[in-house]
Amino acid sequence: MALFIAASPLVKIFLPEWHDRLMDDPQLINDYDTPFDFWVNTGTQSIKIQFMKPQQVTGRDQNQNQSIFNWLTGANSIQHESDIYGIVEFDPKVDLIQTYDQLGVLDDFISDDPKKVKKAKEEREKLALETKNRVREAHALVRKASEKRIKQAIRLNHNNLIAQWKTNEEMKLGKYPPSISELMGAEAIAMEIEKSSAKSAKVMGRFNELMQQNPAGR
């Protein structure tokens, strides 16, 4: 069974237990260093997810495990319910169990031949470095993939909020205050919102110029 990982701290935006802390310190949204965990209800079981820790689904049978894995990671599905968790497949391109077994071999270290001991140390250091680099590369990739999933959910929430505000305004109902997830989500994609607003303002400005030059549209 493949490994999965939650690799973006943006998941806190959708975790109610983090909302008070995020309101006190929004910078925690981007904190990669502090470990934390959270629970995900898959419909058939609740899974404790540990941030930045590769995990496996452990259930009753392989088919169920694969189904849960696909739901968690968004694989083979057009559903986006799990986007908010930013869980993605973790593939370091190396068999970690086999590698750790190799690193733990001590036979040549207790050899009476100094050359064998030296060679064993060199091979162990080389293997450890290669493994470290591959895992580091895998971490960089999953961070991007994890953030991409969560930002999809954030954008969907934000667009729905703006659309509802527009509808309310047309119906003279006023704007309701955003939820903490919507508020923190806007903070997470603030640069995107600013760029979009600036682009829209530029287009509208150009449109107004054209209309002033030719108000009748001729």
N, C-alpha and C. Protein backbone atom coordinates (compact mmCIF):
# COMPACT_ATOMS: atom_id res chain seq x y z
N MET A 1 0.85 -1.20 0.00
CA MET A 1 0.00 0.00 0.00
C MET A 1 0.88 1.25 0.00
N ALA A 2 0.52 2.22 -0.84
CA ALA A 2 1.30 3.45 -0.96
C ALA A 2 1.17 4.30 0.30
N LEU A 3 2.09 5.23 0.42
CA LEU A 3 2.10 6.16 1.55
C LEU A 3 1.37 7.45 1.19
N PHE A 4 0.79 8.09 2.18
CA PHE A 4 0.20 9.42 1.98
C PHE A 4 0.78 10.37 3.02
N ILE A 5 0.61 11.67 2.77
CA ILE A 5 1.15 12.66 3.70
C ILE A 5 0.35 13.95 3.60
N ALA A 6 0.17 14.62 4.73
CA ALA A 6 -0.41 15.97 4.78
C ALA A 6 0.76 16.92 4.92
N ALA A 7 1.04 17.69 3.87
CA ALA A 7 2.31 18.42 3.82
C ALA A 7 2.17 19.94 3.74
N SER A 8 0.97 20.47 4.01
CA SER A 8 0.82 21.93 4.02
C SER A 8 0.16 22.40 5.30
N PRO A 9 0.76 23.37 5.98
CA PRO A 9 0.17 23.90 7.21
C PRO A 9 -1.12 24.67 6.96
N LEU A 10 -1.45 24.95 5.68
CA LEU A 10 -2.68 25.66 5.36
C LEU A 10 -3.92 24.87 5.79
N VAL A 11 -3.74 23.58 6.06
CA VAL A 11 -4.87 22.76 6.51
C VAL A 11 -5.48 23.33 7.79
N LYS A 12 -4.70 24.05 8.57
CA LYS A 12 -5.20 24.63 9.83
C LYS A 12 -6.40 25.55 9.59
N ILE A 13 -6.46 26.13 8.40
CA ILE A 13 -7.57 27.03 8.06
C ILE A 13 -8.91 26.32 8.17
N PHE A 14 -8.91 25.01 7.92
CA PHE A 14 -10.15 24.25 7.93
C PHE A 14 -10.31 23.39 9.18
N LEU A 15 -9.45 23.61 10.17
CA LEU A 15 -9.54 22.85 11.42
C LEU A 15 -10.06 23.76 12.53
N PRO A 16 -11.30 23.56 13.00
CA PRO A 16 -11.88 24.43 14.03
C PRO A 16 -11.02 24.57 15.27
N GLU A 17 -10.29 23.52 15.64
CA GLU A 17 -9.46 23.59 16.85
C GLU A 17 -8.30 24.57 16.72
N TRP A 18 -8.02 25.03 15.48
CA TRP A 18 -6.93 25.99 15.26
C TRP A 18 -7.43 27.42 15.11
N HIS A 19 -8.72 27.63 14.99
CA HIS A 19 -9.24 28.94 14.63
C HIS A 19 -8.88 30.04 15.63
N ASP A 20 -9.00 29.77 16.92
CA ASP A 20 -8.67 30.80 17.92
C ASP A 20 -7.20 31.19 17.82
N ARG A 21 -6.34 30.20 17.66
CA ARG A 21 -4.91 30.48 17.57
C ARG A 21 -4.56 31.25 16.30
N LEU A 22 -5.23 30.92 15.21
CA LEU A 22 -4.98 31.63 13.95
C LEU A 22 -5.45 33.08 14.02
N MET A 23 -6.56 33.32 14.71
CA MET A 23 -7.04 34.69 14.87
C MET A 23 -6.07 35.51 15.71
N ASP A 24 -5.45 34.86 16.70
CA ASP A 24 -4.46 35.54 17.53
C ASP A 24 -3.15 35.76 16.78
N ASP A 25 -2.79 34.79 15.94
CA ASP A 25 -1.51 34.87 15.22
C ASP A 25 -1.66 34.23 13.84
N PRO A 26 -2.07 35.02 12.83
CA PRO A 26 -2.27 34.48 11.48
C PRO A 26 -1.01 33.87 10.87
N GLN A 27 0.17 34.25 11.39
CA GLN A 27 1.42 33.71 10.84
C GLN A 27 1.52 32.20 11.03
N LEU A 28 0.74 31.65 11.96
CA LEU A 28 0.77 30.20 12.19
C LEU A 28 0.28 29.43 10.98
N ILE A 29 -0.43 30.11 10.07
CA ILE A 29 -0.92 29.46 8.86
C ILE A 29 0.24 28.85 8.09
N ASN A 30 1.38 29.51 8.08
CA ASN A 30 2.53 29.07 7.28
C ASN A 30 3.65 28.45 8.10
N ASP A 31 3.32 28.01 9.30
CA ASP A 31 4.33 27.41 10.18
C ASP A 31 4.55 25.93 9.82
N TYR A 32 5.69 25.65 9.20
CA TYR A 32 6.04 24.28 8.82
C TYR A 32 6.79 23.55 9.94
N ASP A 33 7.29 24.27 10.90
CA ASP A 33 8.21 23.69 11.88
C ASP A 33 7.55 23.03 13.07
N THR A 34 6.38 23.50 13.45
CA THR A 34 5.73 22.96 14.65
C THR A 34 4.86 21.75 14.30
N PRO A 35 5.16 20.58 14.88
CA PRO A 35 4.36 19.39 14.57
C PRO A 35 2.95 19.50 15.15
N PHE A 36 1.98 18.92 14.47
CA PHE A 36 0.60 18.87 14.97
C PHE A 36 -0.11 17.71 14.28
N ASP A 37 -1.27 17.37 14.77
CA ASP A 37 -2.05 16.30 14.15
C ASP A 37 -3.52 16.69 14.13
N PHE A 38 -4.30 15.98 13.35
CA PHE A 38 -5.74 16.24 13.26
C PHE A 38 -6.44 14.96 12.79
N TRP A 39 -7.74 14.94 12.95
CA TRP A 39 -8.52 13.76 12.60
C TRP A 39 -9.30 14.00 11.32
N VAL A 40 -9.37 12.97 10.48
CA VAL A 40 -10.15 13.02 9.24
C VAL A 40 -11.16 11.88 9.28
N ASN A 41 -12.43 12.22 9.10
CA ASN A 41 -13.48 11.21 9.04
C ASN A 41 -13.71 10.83 7.59
N THR A 42 -13.41 9.60 7.22
CA THR A 42 -13.54 9.15 5.83
C THR A 42 -14.93 8.63 5.51
N GLY A 43 -15.78 8.53 6.52
CA GLY A 43 -17.10 7.96 6.32
C GLY A 43 -17.19 6.55 6.85
N THR A 44 -16.08 5.84 6.81
CA THR A 44 -16.03 4.47 7.34
C THR A 44 -15.15 4.38 8.58
N GLN A 45 -14.25 5.34 8.74
CA GLN A 45 -13.39 5.37 9.91
C GLN A 45 -12.78 6.75 10.07
N SER A 46 -12.29 7.04 11.26
CA SER A 46 -11.58 8.29 11.51
C SER A 46 -10.09 7.98 11.56
N ILE A 47 -9.32 8.79 10.87
CA ILE A 47 -7.88 8.57 10.78
C ILE A 47 -7.15 9.76 11.38
N LYS A 48 -6.21 9.46 12.26
CA LYS A 48 -5.39 10.51 12.85
C LYS A 48 -4.23 10.83 11.89
N ILE A 49 -4.19 12.05 11.43
CA ILE A 49 -3.18 12.47 10.47
C ILE A 49 -2.11 13.30 11.19
N GLN A 50 -0.87 12.94 11.00
CA GLN A 50 0.24 13.68 11.59
C GLN A 50 0.94 14.49 10.51
N PHE A 51 1.01 15.78 10.73
CA PHE A 51 1.58 16.70 9.75
C PHE A 51 3.01 16.31 9.36
N MET A 52 3.27 16.25 8.06
CA MET A 52 4.58 15.96 7.48
C MET A 52 5.12 14.58 7.83
N LYS A 53 4.22 13.66 8.21
CA LYS A 53 4.66 12.30 8.49
C LYS A 53 4.01 11.33 7.51
N PRO A 54 4.81 10.62 6.71
CA PRO A 54 4.24 9.63 5.78
C PRO A 54 3.49 8.54 6.55
N GLN A 55 2.31 8.18 6.06
CA GLN A 55 1.47 7.19 6.73
C GLN A 55 0.84 6.24 5.72
N GLN A 56 0.32 5.13 6.23
CA GLN A 56 -0.43 4.18 5.43
C GLN A 56 -1.85 4.06 5.97
N VAL A 57 -2.78 3.71 5.08
CA VAL A 57 -4.13 3.42 5.53
C VAL A 57 -4.15 2.00 6.08
N THR A 58 -4.68 1.83 7.27
CA THR A 58 -4.78 0.50 7.87
C THR A 58 -6.23 0.22 8.19
N GLY A 59 -6.84 -0.67 7.41
CA GLY A 59 -8.25 -0.99 7.59
C GLY A 59 -8.49 -2.48 7.56
N ARG A 60 -9.72 -2.85 7.22
CA ARG A 60 -10.10 -4.26 7.28
C ARG A 60 -9.54 -5.08 6.13
N ASP A 61 -9.51 -4.48 4.93
CA ASP A 61 -9.02 -5.24 3.79
C ASP A 61 -8.39 -4.30 2.77
N GLN A 62 -7.69 -4.88 1.81
CA GLN A 62 -6.92 -4.10 0.85
C GLN A 62 -7.80 -3.22 -0.03
N ASN A 63 -8.95 -3.74 -0.45
CA ASN A 63 -9.84 -2.94 -1.30
C ASN A 63 -10.35 -1.69 -0.59
N GLN A 64 -10.74 -1.88 0.68
CA GLN A 64 -11.21 -0.74 1.47
C GLN A 64 -10.06 0.26 1.69
N ASN A 65 -8.88 -0.26 1.98
CA ASN A 65 -7.73 0.62 2.18
C ASN A 65 -7.44 1.45 0.94
N GLN A 66 -7.52 0.80 -0.23
CA GLN A 66 -7.25 1.52 -1.48
C GLN A 66 -8.30 2.58 -1.73
N SER A 67 -9.56 2.25 -1.42
CA SER A 67 -10.65 3.20 -1.61
C SER A 67 -10.46 4.42 -0.72
N ILE A 68 -10.08 4.18 0.54
CA ILE A 68 -9.85 5.29 1.48
C ILE A 68 -8.64 6.11 1.04
N PHE A 69 -7.59 5.43 0.59
CA PHE A 69 -6.39 6.13 0.11
C PHE A 69 -6.74 7.04 -1.06
N ASN A 70 -7.53 6.53 -2.00
CA ASN A 70 -7.93 7.33 -3.16
C ASN A 70 -8.75 8.55 -2.74
N TRP A 71 -9.64 8.36 -1.76
CA TRP A 71 -10.45 9.49 -1.28
C TRP A 71 -9.58 10.53 -0.59
N LEU A 72 -8.67 10.07 0.26
CA LEU A 72 -7.80 10.99 1.00
C LEU A 72 -6.94 11.83 0.06
N THR A 73 -6.38 11.18 -0.96
CA THR A 73 -5.42 11.86 -1.84
C THR A 73 -6.08 12.49 -3.07
N GLY A 74 -7.39 12.23 -3.26
CA GLY A 74 -8.07 12.78 -4.42
C GLY A 74 -7.76 12.03 -5.69
N ALA A 75 -7.18 10.82 -5.56
CA ALA A 75 -6.80 10.03 -6.74
C ALA A 75 -8.02 9.36 -7.35
N ASN A 76 -8.04 9.29 -8.68
CA ASN A 76 -9.10 8.58 -9.41
C ASN A 76 -10.49 9.06 -9.02
N SER A 77 -10.63 10.36 -8.78
CA SER A 77 -11.93 10.86 -8.35
C SER A 77 -12.11 12.30 -8.78
N ILE A 78 -13.36 12.65 -9.12
CA ILE A 78 -13.66 14.04 -9.44
C ILE A 78 -14.18 14.76 -8.21
N GLN A 79 -14.29 14.04 -7.10
CA GLN A 79 -14.74 14.64 -5.86
C GLN A 79 -13.61 15.42 -5.21
N HIS A 80 -13.95 16.53 -4.56
CA HIS A 80 -12.93 17.36 -3.94
C HIS A 80 -13.20 17.59 -2.46
N GLU A 81 -13.95 16.68 -1.85
CA GLU A 81 -14.27 16.83 -0.43
C GLU A 81 -13.02 16.86 0.44
N SER A 82 -12.00 16.11 0.05
CA SER A 82 -10.80 16.00 0.88
C SER A 82 -9.73 17.02 0.52
N ASP A 83 -10.02 17.93 -0.43
CA ASP A 83 -9.03 18.96 -0.79
C ASP A 83 -8.59 19.77 0.42
N ILE A 84 -9.53 19.99 1.35
CA ILE A 84 -9.24 20.87 2.50
C ILE A 84 -8.11 20.33 3.37
N TYR A 85 -7.81 19.04 3.28
CA TYR A 85 -6.76 18.45 4.12
C TYR A 85 -5.39 18.47 3.44
N GLY A 86 -5.37 18.66 2.13
CA GLY A 86 -4.10 18.73 1.42
C GLY A 86 -3.30 17.44 1.47
N ILE A 87 -3.99 16.32 1.56
CA ILE A 87 -3.30 15.02 1.64
C ILE A 87 -2.97 14.54 0.23
N VAL A 88 -1.72 14.13 0.04
CA VAL A 88 -1.26 13.66 -1.27
C VAL A 88 -0.43 12.38 -1.10
N GLU A 89 -0.20 11.71 -2.20
CA GLU A 89 0.64 10.50 -2.16
C GLU A 89 2.08 10.89 -1.88
N PHE A 90 2.76 10.07 -1.09
CA PHE A 90 4.17 10.31 -0.78
C PHE A 90 5.00 9.17 -1.37
N ASP A 91 5.83 9.49 -2.35
CA ASP A 91 6.67 8.49 -3.00
C ASP A 91 8.11 9.01 -3.05
N PRO A 92 8.95 8.58 -2.09
CA PRO A 92 10.34 9.06 -2.05
C PRO A 92 11.24 8.38 -3.08
N LYS A 93 10.67 7.52 -3.92
CA LYS A 93 11.44 6.81 -4.95
C LYS A 93 12.54 5.94 -4.35
N VAL A 94 12.30 5.46 -3.15
CA VAL A 94 13.27 4.57 -2.50
C VAL A 94 12.51 3.71 -1.50
N ASP A 95 12.91 2.45 -1.38
CA ASP A 95 12.30 1.55 -0.41
C ASP A 95 12.89 1.85 0.96
N LEU A 96 12.14 2.62 1.76
CA LEU A 96 12.69 3.07 3.04
C LEU A 96 12.98 1.92 3.99
N ILE A 97 12.10 0.91 4.01
CA ILE A 97 12.29 -0.21 4.92
C ILE A 97 13.56 -0.97 4.56
N GLN A 98 13.72 -1.25 3.26
CA GLN A 98 14.92 -1.96 2.81
C GLN A 98 16.18 -1.13 3.07
N THR A 99 16.08 0.17 2.84
CA THR A 99 17.23 1.05 3.04
C THR A 99 17.64 1.08 4.51
N TYR A 100 16.67 1.20 5.41
CA TYR A 100 16.99 1.21 6.84
C TYR A 100 17.59 -0.12 7.29
N ASP A 101 17.12 -1.21 6.65
CA ASP A 101 17.71 -2.51 6.96
C ASP A 101 19.18 -2.54 6.53
N GLN A 102 19.44 -1.97 5.37
CA GLN A 102 20.82 -1.93 4.87
C GLN A 102 21.70 -1.07 5.78
N LEU A 103 21.14 0.04 6.22
CA LEU A 103 21.90 0.93 7.10
C LEU A 103 22.20 0.28 8.44
N GLY A 104 21.36 -0.68 8.81
CA GLY A 104 21.53 -1.31 10.12
C GLY A 104 22.43 -2.53 10.11
N VAL A 105 22.90 -2.94 8.93
CA VAL A 105 23.80 -4.09 8.86
C VAL A 105 25.13 -3.76 9.53
N LEU A 106 25.54 -4.60 10.47
CA LEU A 106 26.74 -4.31 11.26
C LEU A 106 27.87 -5.31 11.04
N ASP A 107 27.64 -6.33 10.20
CA ASP A 107 28.63 -7.39 10.05
C ASP A 107 30.03 -6.86 9.75
N ASP A 108 30.11 -5.97 8.76
CA ASP A 108 31.43 -5.49 8.36
C ASP A 108 32.02 -4.51 9.37
N PHE A 109 31.16 -3.93 10.23
CA PHE A 109 31.68 -2.99 11.23
C PHE A 109 32.42 -3.71 12.36
N ILE A 110 32.11 -4.98 12.53
CA ILE A 110 32.79 -5.73 13.60
C ILE A 110 33.88 -6.65 13.03
N SER A 111 34.16 -6.43 11.74
CA SER A 111 35.20 -7.22 11.10
C SER A 111 36.57 -6.84 11.68
N ASP A 112 37.51 -7.79 11.65
CA ASP A 112 38.88 -7.52 12.10
C ASP A 112 39.70 -6.87 11.00
N ASP A 113 39.11 -6.80 9.81
CA ASP A 113 39.80 -6.20 8.67
C ASP A 113 39.47 -4.70 8.60
N PRO A 114 40.41 -3.83 8.88
CA PRO A 114 40.18 -2.37 8.86
C PRO A 114 39.64 -1.89 7.52
N LYS A 115 40.08 -2.54 6.42
CA LYS A 115 39.62 -2.11 5.10
C LYS A 115 38.12 -2.36 4.93
N LYS A 116 37.66 -3.51 5.44
CA LYS A 116 36.23 -3.82 5.36
C LYS A 116 35.40 -2.85 6.21
N VAL A 117 35.94 -2.52 7.37
CA VAL A 117 35.25 -1.57 8.25
C VAL A 117 35.15 -0.21 7.58
N LYS A 118 36.25 0.24 6.99
CA LYS A 118 36.28 1.53 6.32
C LYS A 118 35.31 1.57 5.15
N LYS A 119 35.32 0.48 4.34
CA LYS A 119 34.43 0.41 3.18
C LYS A 119 32.97 0.39 3.61
N ALA A 120 32.67 -0.34 4.69
CA ALA A 120 31.29 -0.41 5.20
C ALA A 120 30.82 0.96 5.64
N LYS A 121 31.69 1.71 6.30
CA LYS A 121 31.33 3.05 6.76
C LYS A 121 31.05 3.98 5.58
N GLU A 122 31.91 3.88 4.54
CA GLU A 122 31.75 4.73 3.36
C GLU A 122 30.44 4.41 2.64
N GLU A 123 30.13 3.11 2.50
CA GLU A 123 28.89 2.71 1.82
C GLU A 123 27.67 3.14 2.62
N ARG A 124 27.78 3.03 3.93
CA ARG A 124 26.66 3.44 4.79
C ARG A 124 26.42 4.94 4.69
N GLU A 125 27.48 5.73 4.72
CA GLU A 125 27.35 7.19 4.61
C GLU A 125 26.78 7.59 3.25
N LYS A 126 27.23 6.89 2.20
CA LYS A 126 26.74 7.20 0.86
C LYS A 126 25.26 6.88 0.74
N LEU A 127 24.87 5.71 1.24
CA LEU A 127 23.47 5.30 1.19
C LEU A 127 22.59 6.24 2.01
N ALA A 128 23.07 6.64 3.18
CA ALA A 128 22.31 7.54 4.05
C ALA A 128 22.11 8.89 3.36
N LEU A 129 23.16 9.39 2.69
CA LEU A 129 23.08 10.68 2.00
C LEU A 129 22.11 10.61 0.83
N GLU A 130 22.19 9.52 0.05
CA GLU A 130 21.29 9.36 -1.09
C GLU A 130 19.83 9.29 -0.63
N THR A 131 19.61 8.55 0.44
CA THR A 131 18.24 8.43 0.98
C THR A 131 17.74 9.78 1.47
N LYS A 132 18.58 10.50 2.17
CA LYS A 132 18.22 11.81 2.71
C LYS A 132 17.84 12.77 1.57
N ASN A 133 18.64 12.76 0.50
CA ASN A 133 18.38 13.66 -0.62
C ASN A 133 17.08 13.31 -1.33
N ARG A 134 16.81 12.01 -1.49
CA ARG A 134 15.59 11.59 -2.17
C ARG A 134 14.35 11.95 -1.34
N VAL A 135 14.45 11.75 -0.04
CA VAL A 135 13.33 12.09 0.84
C VAL A 135 13.11 13.61 0.85
N ARG A 136 14.21 14.37 0.84
CA ARG A 136 14.11 15.83 0.81
C ARG A 136 13.43 16.29 -0.48
N GLU A 137 13.81 15.70 -1.61
CA GLU A 137 13.19 16.04 -2.88
C GLU A 137 11.70 15.70 -2.88
N ALA A 138 11.39 14.52 -2.31
CA ALA A 138 9.98 14.10 -2.22
C ALA A 138 9.19 15.07 -1.36
N HIS A 139 9.78 15.54 -0.26
CA HIS A 139 9.11 16.49 0.62
C HIS A 139 8.80 17.80 -0.12
N ALA A 140 9.76 18.25 -0.93
CA ALA A 140 9.55 19.50 -1.68
C ALA A 140 8.39 19.35 -2.66
N LEU A 141 8.30 18.20 -3.30
CA LEU A 141 7.23 17.96 -4.27
C LEU A 141 5.87 17.86 -3.58
N VAL A 142 5.81 17.13 -2.48
CA VAL A 142 4.50 16.96 -1.82
C VAL A 142 4.04 18.26 -1.16
N ARG A 143 4.96 19.10 -0.74
CA ARG A 143 4.55 20.40 -0.18
C ARG A 143 3.78 21.21 -1.23
N LYS A 144 4.31 21.22 -2.45
CA LYS A 144 3.65 21.96 -3.53
C LYS A 144 2.29 21.34 -3.86
N ALA A 145 2.27 20.02 -3.95
CA ALA A 145 1.02 19.33 -4.30
C ALA A 145 -0.03 19.50 -3.21
N SER A 146 0.42 19.43 -1.95
CA SER A 146 -0.48 19.58 -0.82
C SER A 146 -1.07 20.99 -0.78
N GLU A 147 -0.22 21.98 -0.97
CA GLU A 147 -0.68 23.37 -0.96
C GLU A 147 -1.65 23.62 -2.12
N LYS A 148 -1.38 23.01 -3.26
CA LYS A 148 -2.26 23.19 -4.42
C LYS A 148 -3.67 22.69 -4.12
N ARG A 149 -3.78 21.53 -3.46
CA ARG A 149 -5.10 20.98 -3.13
C ARG A 149 -5.86 21.90 -2.18
N ILE A 150 -5.18 22.37 -1.15
CA ILE A 150 -5.86 23.22 -0.16
C ILE A 150 -6.26 24.56 -0.78
N LYS A 151 -5.40 25.11 -1.63
CA LYS A 151 -5.72 26.40 -2.24
C LYS A 151 -6.91 26.27 -3.20
N GLN A 152 -7.09 25.09 -3.78
CA GLN A 152 -8.28 24.86 -4.60
C GLN A 152 -9.54 25.02 -3.74
N ALA A 153 -9.49 24.44 -2.54
CA ALA A 153 -10.63 24.53 -1.62
C ALA A 153 -10.82 25.97 -1.15
N ILE A 154 -9.73 26.67 -0.88
CA ILE A 154 -9.80 28.06 -0.44
C ILE A 154 -10.43 28.94 -1.52
N ARG A 155 -9.98 28.77 -2.77
CA ARG A 155 -10.52 29.56 -3.87
C ARG A 155 -12.01 29.29 -4.06
N LEU A 156 -12.40 28.03 -3.94
CA LEU A 156 -13.81 27.68 -4.09
C LEU A 156 -14.63 28.37 -3.00
N ASN A 157 -14.15 28.32 -1.77
CA ASN A 157 -14.84 29.00 -0.66
C ASN A 157 -14.94 30.50 -0.91
N HIS A 158 -13.83 31.08 -1.35
CA HIS A 158 -13.78 32.54 -1.55
C HIS A 158 -14.72 32.96 -2.68
N ASN A 159 -14.70 32.21 -3.78
CA ASN A 159 -15.58 32.56 -4.91
C ASN A 159 -17.05 32.41 -4.52
N ASN A 160 -17.35 31.38 -3.74
CA ASN A 160 -18.74 31.20 -3.28
C ASN A 160 -19.17 32.35 -2.36
N LEU A 161 -18.24 32.80 -1.51
CA LEU A 161 -18.53 33.91 -0.62
C LEU A 161 -18.83 35.18 -1.40
N ILE A 162 -17.98 35.49 -2.38
CA ILE A 162 -18.17 36.70 -3.19
C ILE A 162 -19.48 36.63 -3.97
N ALA A 163 -19.78 35.43 -4.51
CA ALA A 163 -21.02 35.26 -5.27
C ALA A 163 -22.24 35.46 -4.37
N GLN A 164 -22.17 34.93 -3.14
CA GLN A 164 -23.29 35.08 -2.21
C GLN A 164 -23.45 36.53 -1.76
N TRP A 165 -22.33 37.21 -1.54
CA TRP A 165 -22.39 38.63 -1.17
C TRP A 165 -23.05 39.44 -2.28
N LYS A 166 -22.70 39.10 -3.52
CA LYS A 166 -23.27 39.82 -4.67
C LYS A 166 -24.78 39.60 -4.74
N THR A 167 -25.19 38.34 -4.52
CA THR A 167 -26.62 38.01 -4.53
C THR A 167 -27.35 38.76 -3.41
N ASN A 168 -26.74 38.76 -2.22
CA ASN A 168 -27.34 39.45 -1.08
C ASN A 168 -27.46 40.95 -1.33
N GLU A 169 -26.44 41.51 -1.98
CA GLU A 169 -26.45 42.94 -2.27
C GLU A 169 -27.59 43.28 -3.24
N GLU A 170 -27.77 42.42 -4.24
CA GLU A 170 -28.84 42.65 -5.22
C GLU A 170 -30.21 42.55 -4.57
N MET A 171 -30.29 41.71 -3.52
CA MET A 171 -31.57 41.51 -2.83
C MET A 171 -31.70 42.43 -1.61
N LYS A 172 -30.75 43.36 -1.47
CA LYS A 172 -30.75 44.32 -0.36
C LYS A 172 -30.69 43.63 1.01
N LEU A 173 -29.95 42.53 1.09
CA LEU A 173 -29.86 41.79 2.36
C LEU A 173 -28.58 42.12 3.14
N GLY A 174 -27.63 42.78 2.48
CA GLY A 174 -26.39 43.11 3.16
C GLY A 174 -25.41 41.94 3.15
N LYS A 175 -24.18 42.23 3.50
CA LYS A 175 -23.14 41.21 3.53
C LYS A 175 -23.04 40.59 4.92
N TYR A 176 -23.06 39.28 4.98
CA TYR A 176 -22.85 38.61 6.26
C TYR A 176 -21.35 38.46 6.51
N PRO A 177 -20.92 38.44 7.77
CA PRO A 177 -19.48 38.34 8.06
C PRO A 177 -18.93 36.98 7.61
N PRO A 178 -17.71 36.95 7.08
CA PRO A 178 -17.13 35.68 6.65
C PRO A 178 -16.82 34.78 7.84
N SER A 179 -16.83 33.47 7.59
CA SER A 179 -16.43 32.54 8.64
C SER A 179 -14.92 32.66 8.85
N ILE A 180 -14.41 32.06 9.90
CA ILE A 180 -12.97 32.12 10.17
C ILE A 180 -12.21 31.43 9.05
N SER A 181 -12.74 30.31 8.53
CA SER A 181 -12.08 29.62 7.43
C SER A 181 -12.03 30.51 6.19
N GLU A 182 -13.11 31.24 5.92
CA GLU A 182 -13.14 32.15 4.77
C GLU A 182 -12.19 33.32 4.99
N LEU A 183 -12.16 33.82 6.21
CA LEU A 183 -11.29 34.95 6.54
C LEU A 183 -9.82 34.57 6.44
N MET A 184 -9.45 33.44 7.05
CA MET A 184 -8.07 32.98 7.01
C MET A 184 -7.67 32.52 5.61
N GLY A 185 -8.65 31.98 4.89
CA GLY A 185 -8.39 31.57 3.51
C GLY A 185 -8.03 32.75 2.64
N ALA A 186 -8.76 33.86 2.83
CA ALA A 186 -8.47 35.08 2.07
C ALA A 186 -7.06 35.58 2.40
N GLU A 187 -6.66 35.42 3.66
CA GLU A 187 -5.31 35.81 4.06
C GLU A 187 -4.26 34.96 3.34
N ALA A 188 -4.57 33.67 3.18
CA ALA A 188 -3.63 32.74 2.55
C ALA A 188 -3.45 33.02 1.06
N ILE A 189 -4.50 33.52 0.40
CA ILE A 189 -4.39 33.81 -1.03
C ILE A 189 -4.48 35.31 -1.30
N ALA A 190 -4.06 36.10 -0.32
CA ALA A 190 -4.17 37.56 -0.43
C ALA A 190 -3.51 38.10 -1.70
N MET A 191 -2.32 37.58 -2.01
CA MET A 191 -1.61 38.08 -3.20
C MET A 191 -2.39 37.79 -4.47
N GLU A 192 -3.02 36.60 -4.54
CA GLU A 192 -3.82 36.26 -5.70
C GLU A 192 -5.03 37.19 -5.83
N ILE A 193 -5.66 37.48 -4.69
CA ILE A 193 -6.84 38.36 -4.69
C ILE A 193 -6.44 39.76 -5.14
N GLU A 194 -5.31 40.25 -4.62
CA GLU A 194 -4.84 41.59 -4.98
C GLU A 194 -4.51 41.68 -6.47
N LYS A 195 -3.86 40.64 -7.01
CA LYS A 195 -3.53 40.64 -8.43
C LYS A 195 -4.79 40.61 -9.28
N SER A 196 -5.77 39.80 -8.87
CA SER A 196 -7.02 39.72 -9.61
C SER A 196 -7.78 41.05 -9.58
N SER A 197 -7.78 41.69 -8.40
CA SER A 197 -8.48 42.98 -8.26
C SER A 197 -7.80 44.05 -9.11
N ALA A 198 -6.46 44.04 -9.10
CA ALA A 198 -5.70 45.02 -9.88
C ALA A 198 -5.95 44.82 -11.38
N LYS A 199 -6.01 43.56 -11.79
CA LYS A 199 -6.25 43.25 -13.21
C LYS A 199 -7.65 43.69 -13.61
N SER A 200 -8.65 43.42 -12.75
CA SER A 200 -10.02 43.82 -13.05
C SER A 200 -10.15 45.33 -13.11
N ALA A 201 -9.47 46.02 -12.18
CA ALA A 201 -9.52 47.48 -12.16
C ALA A 201 -8.90 48.06 -13.43
N LYS A 202 -7.82 47.43 -13.89
CA LYS A 202 -7.14 47.90 -15.11
C LYS A 202 -8.04 47.73 -16.33
N VAL A 203 -8.70 46.57 -16.41
CA VAL A 203 -9.60 46.30 -17.54
C VAL A 203 -10.79 47.27 -17.52
N MET A 204 -11.36 47.50 -16.33
CA MET A 204 -12.49 48.41 -16.22
C MET A 204 -12.08 49.84 -16.54
N GLY A 205 -10.86 50.20 -16.13
CA GLY A 205 -10.37 51.53 -16.43
C GLY A 205 -10.24 51.74 -17.93
N ARG A 206 -9.71 50.74 -18.61
CA ARG A 206 -9.57 50.81 -20.06
C ARG A 206 -10.93 50.86 -20.74
N PHE A 207 -11.87 50.08 -20.21
CA PHE A 207 -13.23 50.05 -20.75
C PHE A 207 -13.89 51.43 -20.63
N ASN A 208 -13.74 52.05 -19.46
CA ASN A 208 -14.31 53.38 -19.24
C ASN A 208 -13.70 54.40 -20.19
N GLU A 209 -12.39 54.29 -20.43
CA GLU A 209 -11.73 55.20 -21.37
C GLU A 209 -12.34 55.07 -22.76
N LEU A 210 -12.52 53.82 -23.20
CA LEU A 210 -13.09 53.58 -24.53
C LEU A 210 -14.51 54.12 -24.63
N MET A 211 -15.30 53.94 -23.58
CA MET A 211 -16.67 54.40 -23.59
C MET A 211 -16.77 55.92 -23.62
N GLN A 212 -15.81 56.60 -22.97
CA GLN A 212 -15.79 58.07 -22.97
C GLN A 212 -15.42 58.61 -24.35
N GLN A 213 -14.53 57.85 -25.03
CA GLN A 213 -14.12 58.25 -26.36
C GLN A 213 -15.22 58.03 -27.38
N ASN A 214 -16.00 56.96 -27.15
CA ASN A 214 -17.06 56.62 -28.11
C ASN A 214 -18.27 56.12 -27.34
N PRO A 215 -18.96 57.00 -26.62
CA PRO A 215 -20.06 56.60 -25.74
C PRO A 215 -21.20 55.87 -26.44
N ALA A 216 -21.40 56.13 -27.72
CA ALA A 216 -22.50 55.48 -28.43
C ALA A 216 -22.10 54.12 -28.95
N GLY A 217 -20.85 53.74 -28.75
CA GLY A 217 -20.39 52.44 -29.21
C GLY A 217 -20.15 52.41 -30.71
N ARG A 218 -20.00 53.61 -31.35
CA ARG A 218 -19.78 53.68 -32.80
C ARG A 218 -18.30 53.68 -33.11
